[in-house]
Amino acid sequence: MKPKIIVTRDIPDEVESKLKQYFRVSFNREDKVFSNDILEKAMENADGIVCTVTDNITEKLLTLPNKKVKIIANIGVGVDHIDLQSAKQNNVIITNTPDVLTEATVDIATLLLLSVTRNAFLMETMLRQGEWKGFSLTENLGVGVRGKTLGLVGMGRIGKAFGKRAHEVFGMKVLYYNRSPVTDLKFEASVRFDLDALLEESDVISLHLSSDKGNKNFISKSRMKKIRPSSFLINTSRGDVIDQMALIDLLEKKKLAGAGLDVFLNEPNVPLRLRRLSNVTLYPHIGSATHETRTKMGMLAVENLIAFFNEKKVINQL
């Protein structure tokens, strides 16, 4: 009998079709986040689960007495919503989907870079509300990025790709901070081993940190004060890597020129204070949100499942 797989969220049609070829599958047609009770039943009734960032896979779920699940295939790179230590202790394989979303996420980082430095949200809002008074040589001017300094915090796949694009396409000078040595860069960039120094020197800071729990509040209130009032902050990694309330305070007081955010603390709950600001661009976690990328992510999750149940090496096992 084919293994039973439960999919926690709606998935692209191509991914659904492939799953059906190899497994007995239960789909979430309503695309609503599973409650803890439903997740418990899934853990007890399925051989494997396909989940996303919206599913909190806790120690309680992974230690259920009647747990049947042997593998959880996460559609996404970050797995901070999964208790990896408990999964390992309870013999549950966890996989993710790296590589396939790099360029799509860099596209969003690029949109945020251009939007926040050129006051795009403010200008579009003025136009839509009928407040635009016509062309002006001096009003509401943005900041050009060519020749400016981009500071990258984190140099994984996405950090490297964004730095390369910023340098080669926009002519930006690139600095980077990373916990481990980076030796394979294909563009000109300078390392800063002192994070405070990078924050102080950069015109734009872009965060590309992993979902490691040690990165929570990595950009703390005290560190944010190192950023110049004329600089901009971009985050496409995880919402909890920033002290979000401290960031809002700085933006409200104009002690930071602006921010471009694709991720938030406690999603989908975005504070009203942040939503009211005119010097920010806010996207609802759409870094990988293209049909092509989400399909590739789903297909990779399926490949991980197929490999596992055929007792072959699982490429993306964590």
Protein backbone atom coordinates (compact mmCIF):
# COMPACT_ATOMS: atom_id res chain seq x y z
CA MET A 1 0.00 0.00 0.00
CA LYS A 2 1.22 3.50 -0.84
CA PRO A 3 2.34 5.65 2.12
CA LYS A 4 -0.21 8.21 3.31
CA ILE A 5 0.76 11.87 3.07
CA ILE A 6 -1.13 14.82 4.56
CA VAL A 7 -0.56 18.25 2.99
CA THR A 8 -1.24 21.12 5.37
CA ARG A 9 -1.81 23.93 2.81
CA ASP A 10 -3.02 24.29 -0.76
CA ILE A 11 -0.29 23.50 -3.29
CA PRO A 12 0.24 24.07 -7.04
CA ASP A 13 -1.62 21.65 -9.34
CA GLU A 14 1.58 20.17 -10.77
CA VAL A 15 2.80 19.28 -7.28
CA GLU A 16 -0.56 17.74 -6.37
CA SER A 17 -0.49 15.57 -9.49
CA LYS A 18 2.97 14.24 -8.72
CA LEU A 19 2.07 13.47 -5.12
CA LYS A 20 -0.93 11.45 -6.29
CA GLN A 21 1.32 9.30 -8.47
CA TYR A 22 3.31 8.00 -5.53
CA PHE A 23 1.17 8.40 -2.42
CA ARG A 24 -2.27 8.33 -0.87
CA VAL A 25 -2.77 12.01 -0.22
CA SER A 26 -5.07 14.16 1.89
CA PHE A 27 -5.20 17.81 0.80
CA ASN A 28 -6.23 20.97 2.62
CA ARG A 29 -8.76 22.32 0.09
CA GLU A 30 -9.76 25.28 2.27
CA ASP A 31 -6.12 26.39 2.61
CA LYS A 32 -6.68 27.35 6.24
CA VAL A 33 -3.94 26.94 8.83
CA PHE A 34 -4.31 23.62 10.68
CA SER A 35 -5.20 23.83 14.36
CA ASN A 36 -3.08 21.94 16.88
CA ASP A 37 -5.79 19.28 17.13
CA ILE A 38 -5.75 18.69 13.39
CA LEU A 39 -1.94 18.57 13.36
CA GLU A 40 -2.05 15.98 16.16
CA LYS A 41 -4.41 13.80 14.14
CA ALA A 42 -2.17 14.21 11.10
CA MET A 43 0.87 13.08 13.09
CA GLU A 44 -1.05 10.00 14.25
CA ASN A 45 -2.62 9.05 10.91
CA ALA A 46 -0.09 9.87 8.20
CA ASP A 47 3.26 8.37 7.24
CA GLY A 48 4.49 11.77 6.14
CA ILE A 49 3.47 15.42 6.22
CA VAL A 50 4.07 18.23 3.75
CA CYS A 51 4.07 21.47 5.75
CA THR A 52 4.93 25.16 5.45
CA VAL A 53 6.07 28.01 7.68
CA THR A 54 2.51 28.38 9.02
CA ASP A 55 2.66 24.99 10.79
CA ASN A 56 4.16 24.94 14.26
CA ILE A 57 5.72 21.49 14.62
CA THR A 58 6.35 21.38 18.36
CA GLU A 59 7.96 18.91 20.73
CA LYS A 60 4.46 17.94 21.86
CA LEU A 61 3.54 16.87 18.34
CA LEU A 62 6.82 15.04 17.79
CA THR A 63 6.48 13.07 21.04
CA LEU A 64 2.86 11.96 20.69
CA PRO A 65 2.52 8.35 21.97
CA ASN A 66 0.65 7.26 18.84
CA LYS A 67 2.80 9.24 16.38
CA LYS A 68 2.99 7.55 12.99
CA VAL A 69 4.72 10.22 10.89
CA LYS A 70 8.27 9.34 9.83
CA ILE A 71 9.09 12.36 7.67
CA ILE A 72 8.04 16.02 7.46
CA ALA A 73 8.80 17.69 4.14
CA ASN A 74 8.80 21.45 4.65
CA ILE A 75 8.06 23.62 1.60
CA GLY A 76 10.46 26.44 2.35
CA VAL A 77 14.05 26.97 3.43
CA GLY A 78 13.53 28.22 6.98
CA VAL A 79 12.53 25.65 9.60
CA ASP A 80 12.36 27.75 12.75
CA HIS A 81 8.74 26.58 13.09
CA ILE A 82 9.95 23.00 13.58
CA ASP A 83 11.61 21.67 16.73
CA LEU A 84 14.59 20.08 14.97
CA GLN A 85 16.17 18.70 18.13
CA SER A 86 12.98 16.93 19.14
CA ALA A 87 12.51 15.63 15.60
CA LYS A 88 15.98 14.07 15.68
CA GLN A 89 15.44 12.57 19.12
CA ASN A 90 12.13 11.05 17.98
CA ASN A 91 13.37 9.74 14.63
CA VAL A 92 11.38 12.08 12.41
CA ILE A 93 13.22 13.15 9.25
CA ILE A 94 12.92 16.87 8.39
CA THR A 95 13.61 18.19 4.89
CA ASN A 96 13.48 21.65 3.32
CA THR A 97 13.68 23.19 -0.15
CA PRO A 98 16.84 25.30 -0.59
CA ASP A 99 18.33 26.68 -3.83
CA VAL A 100 15.15 26.92 -5.89
CA LEU A 101 13.89 30.19 -4.36
CA THR A 102 17.12 32.22 -4.37
CA GLU A 103 16.51 34.38 -7.44
CA ALA A 104 12.84 34.99 -6.64
CA THR A 105 13.78 36.23 -3.17
CA VAL A 106 16.52 38.43 -4.61
CA ASP A 107 13.89 39.93 -6.93
CA ILE A 108 11.85 40.98 -3.89
CA ALA A 109 14.92 42.34 -2.11
CA THR A 110 15.60 44.38 -5.25
CA LEU A 111 12.03 45.69 -5.30
CA LEU A 112 12.34 46.70 -1.66
CA LEU A 113 15.69 48.38 -2.30
CA LEU A 114 14.33 50.51 -5.11
CA SER A 115 10.94 51.15 -3.54
CA VAL A 116 12.16 52.41 -0.19
CA THR A 117 15.03 54.52 -1.55
CA ARG A 118 12.79 56.16 -4.16
CA ASN A 119 9.81 56.82 -1.85
CA ALA A 120 7.67 54.65 -4.12
CA PHE A 121 4.97 53.83 -1.57
CA LEU A 122 4.54 57.44 -0.49
CA MET A 123 4.39 58.71 -4.08
CA GLU A 124 1.92 56.05 -5.23
CA THR A 125 -0.28 56.73 -2.19
CA MET A 126 -0.33 60.45 -2.99
CA LEU A 127 -1.31 59.71 -6.58
CA ARG A 128 -4.05 57.21 -5.67
CA GLN A 129 -5.53 59.60 -3.10
CA GLY A 130 -5.58 62.48 -5.55
CA GLU A 131 -2.92 64.44 -3.65
CA TRP A 132 -0.34 64.63 -6.44
CA LYS A 133 0.00 68.24 -7.57
CA GLY A 134 2.06 67.49 -10.65
CA PHE A 135 5.72 67.34 -11.59
CA SER A 136 8.23 69.03 -9.27
CA LEU A 137 12.00 69.32 -9.43
CA THR A 138 12.43 69.38 -5.66
CA GLU A 139 9.54 67.72 -3.80
CA ASN A 140 9.66 64.18 -2.33
CA LEU A 141 12.98 63.26 -3.93
CA GLY A 142 14.35 59.80 -3.41
CA VAL A 143 17.92 58.60 -3.08
CA GLY A 144 19.88 56.97 -5.90
CA VAL A 145 21.64 53.71 -5.05
CA ARG A 146 24.48 53.86 -7.57
CA GLY A 147 27.77 54.30 -5.78
CA LYS A 148 26.14 53.80 -2.38
CA THR A 149 27.29 51.17 0.12
CA LEU A 150 25.22 48.03 0.66
CA GLY A 151 25.88 46.15 3.90
CA LEU A 152 24.87 42.50 3.81
CA VAL A 153 24.25 40.72 7.10
CA GLY A 154 24.50 37.03 6.25
CA MET A 155 26.18 35.63 3.14
CA GLY A 156 24.30 32.48 2.32
CA ARG A 157 22.88 31.79 -1.15
CA ILE A 158 20.49 34.73 -1.12
CA GLY A 159 22.92 37.20 0.44
CA LYS A 160 25.54 36.39 -2.17
CA ALA A 161 23.07 36.61 -5.05
CA PHE A 162 21.68 39.95 -3.87
CA GLY A 163 25.16 41.37 -3.35
CA LYS A 164 26.20 40.28 -6.83
CA ARG A 165 23.15 41.90 -8.40
CA ALA A 166 23.52 45.12 -6.40
CA HIS A 167 27.17 45.42 -7.37
CA GLU A 168 26.92 44.43 -11.03
CA VAL A 169 23.56 46.00 -11.93
CA PHE A 170 23.39 49.02 -9.62
CA GLY A 171 27.08 49.73 -9.13
CA MET A 172 26.87 49.53 -5.35
CA LYS A 173 29.86 49.02 -3.10
CA VAL A 174 29.27 45.86 -1.07
CA LEU A 175 30.28 45.11 2.50
CA TYR A 176 29.32 41.93 4.32
CA TYR A 177 29.25 40.39 7.77
CA ASN A 178 29.14 36.63 8.15
CA ARG A 179 29.86 34.27 11.04
CA SER A 180 31.85 31.86 8.89
CA PRO A 181 34.49 32.62 6.23
CA VAL A 182 33.25 33.30 2.69
CA THR A 183 35.72 32.23 0.01
CA ASP A 184 33.71 31.75 -3.17
CA LEU A 185 32.48 35.27 -3.96
CA LYS A 186 32.17 36.09 -7.66
CA PHE A 187 31.98 39.85 -7.22
CA GLU A 188 33.94 42.52 -5.38
CA ALA A 189 33.01 42.80 -1.72
CA SER A 190 34.75 43.64 1.55
CA VAL A 191 34.25 41.79 4.82
CA ARG A 192 33.53 43.46 8.14
CA PHE A 193 34.13 41.19 11.12
CA ASP A 194 32.62 43.84 13.38
CA LEU A 195 28.86 44.07 12.74
CA ASP A 196 28.64 47.52 14.30
CA ALA A 197 31.23 48.78 11.81
CA LEU A 198 29.17 47.45 8.90
CA LEU A 199 26.01 49.10 10.23
CA GLU A 200 27.80 52.41 10.66
CA GLU A 201 29.33 52.38 7.17
CA SER A 202 26.35 51.23 5.10
CA ASP A 203 23.79 53.34 3.23
CA VAL A 204 21.53 50.29 2.89
CA ILE A 205 21.58 47.28 5.24
CA SER A 206 20.04 44.06 3.94
CA LEU A 207 19.41 41.09 6.23
CA HIS A 208 19.90 37.54 4.98
CA LEU A 209 20.09 35.57 8.20
CA SER A 210 19.16 31.92 8.64
CA SER A 211 16.23 30.71 10.73
CA ASP A 212 18.62 29.66 13.51
CA LYS A 213 17.05 30.48 16.90
CA GLY A 214 20.34 32.15 17.83
CA ASN A 215 19.51 34.89 15.33
CA LYS A 216 16.45 36.11 17.22
CA ASN A 217 16.75 39.90 17.76
CA PHE A 218 20.18 39.75 16.10
CA ILE A 219 19.59 43.34 14.99
CA SER A 220 18.79 44.58 18.49
CA LYS A 221 17.71 48.00 19.67
CA SER A 222 21.28 48.91 20.58
CA ARG A 223 22.64 47.69 17.25
CA MET A 224 20.01 49.58 15.30
CA LYS A 225 21.25 52.79 16.88
CA LYS A 226 24.52 52.25 15.00
CA ILE A 227 22.68 52.77 11.69
CA ARG A 228 22.89 56.29 10.33
CA PRO A 229 19.62 58.30 10.18
CA SER A 230 20.12 58.61 6.40
CA SER A 231 20.32 54.84 5.87
CA PHE A 232 17.74 52.20 4.94
CA LEU A 233 17.07 48.70 6.28
CA ILE A 234 15.80 45.75 4.22
CA ASN A 235 14.69 42.39 5.61
CA THR A 236 13.75 39.36 3.51
CA SER A 237 14.94 36.72 5.98
CA ARG A 238 12.86 36.30 9.16
CA GLY A 239 10.77 38.75 11.13
CA ASP A 240 12.27 37.85 14.49
CA VAL A 241 15.86 38.72 13.54
CA ILE A 242 14.97 42.38 14.20
CA ASP A 243 13.69 44.04 17.36
CA GLN A 244 10.52 45.07 15.54
CA MET A 245 9.28 47.58 18.11
CA ALA A 246 12.67 49.31 18.24
CA LEU A 247 12.63 49.52 14.45
CA ILE A 248 9.18 51.14 14.49
CA ASP A 249 10.38 53.67 17.09
CA LEU A 250 13.36 54.66 14.93
CA LEU A 251 11.20 54.98 11.82
CA GLU A 252 8.59 57.09 13.60
CA LYS A 253 11.26 59.42 14.97
CA LYS A 254 12.94 59.68 11.53
CA LYS A 255 16.13 58.25 13.00
CA LEU A 256 16.14 55.81 10.10
CA ALA A 257 15.42 56.94 6.54
CA GLY A 258 13.21 53.98 5.71
CA ALA A 259 12.73 50.23 5.70
CA GLY A 260 11.67 47.58 3.22
CA LEU A 261 10.18 44.50 4.89
CA ASP A 262 8.90 41.22 3.48
CA VAL A 263 8.78 39.43 6.85
CA PHE A 264 7.40 40.29 10.27
CA LEU A 265 7.22 39.14 13.86
CA ASN A 266 4.11 37.04 14.59
CA GLU A 267 2.87 36.90 11.02
CA PRO A 268 0.29 37.68 9.72
CA ASN A 269 -0.18 40.25 12.49
CA VAL A 270 1.59 43.43 11.39
CA PRO A 271 1.40 46.30 13.92
CA LEU A 272 -0.79 49.25 12.96
CA ARG A 273 2.04 51.61 13.88
CA LEU A 274 4.18 50.01 11.19
CA ARG A 275 1.40 49.93 8.59
CA ARG A 276 0.74 53.65 9.10
CA LEU A 277 4.29 54.71 8.30
CA SER A 278 4.94 56.34 4.95
CA ASN A 279 8.69 55.65 4.92
CA VAL A 280 8.35 51.89 4.67
CA THR A 281 7.52 49.39 1.95
CA LEU A 282 5.72 46.32 3.29
CA TYR A 283 5.20 43.03 1.44
CA PRO A 284 3.27 40.06 2.86
CA HIS A 285 6.06 37.43 2.86
CA ILE A 286 6.21 37.05 -0.93
CA GLY A 287 9.92 36.36 -1.37
CA SER A 288 9.28 33.07 -3.17
CA ALA A 289 5.79 33.94 -4.43
CA THR A 290 5.98 33.14 -8.13
CA HIS A 291 4.15 30.21 -9.67
CA GLU A 292 7.41 28.83 -11.02
CA THR A 293 9.26 29.03 -7.72
CA ARG A 294 6.47 27.65 -5.55
CA THR A 295 6.07 24.76 -8.00
CA LYS A 296 9.80 24.00 -7.83
CA MET A 297 9.66 24.12 -4.05
CA GLY A 298 6.74 21.73 -3.95
CA MET A 299 8.36 19.36 -6.43
CA LEU A 300 11.53 19.27 -4.35
CA ALA A 301 9.50 18.39 -1.26
CA VAL A 302 7.90 15.54 -3.20
CA GLU A 303 11.32 14.31 -4.38
CA ASN A 304 12.44 14.23 -0.76
CA LEU A 305 9.42 12.10 0.15
CA ILE A 306 9.94 9.73 -2.77
CA ALA A 307 13.60 9.24 -1.85
CA PHE A 308 12.76 8.55 1.79
CA PHE A 309 10.04 6.00 1.16
CA ASN A 310 12.22 4.26 -1.44
CA GLU A 311 15.02 4.06 1.13
CA LYS A 312 17.31 6.29 -0.91
CA LYS A 313 19.43 9.20 0.26
CA VAL A 314 17.29 12.26 1.03
CA ILE A 315 19.16 15.20 -0.48
CA ASN A 316 17.65 17.97 1.62
CA GLN A 317 17.58 16.28 5.01
CA LEU A 318 18.39 18.61 7.88
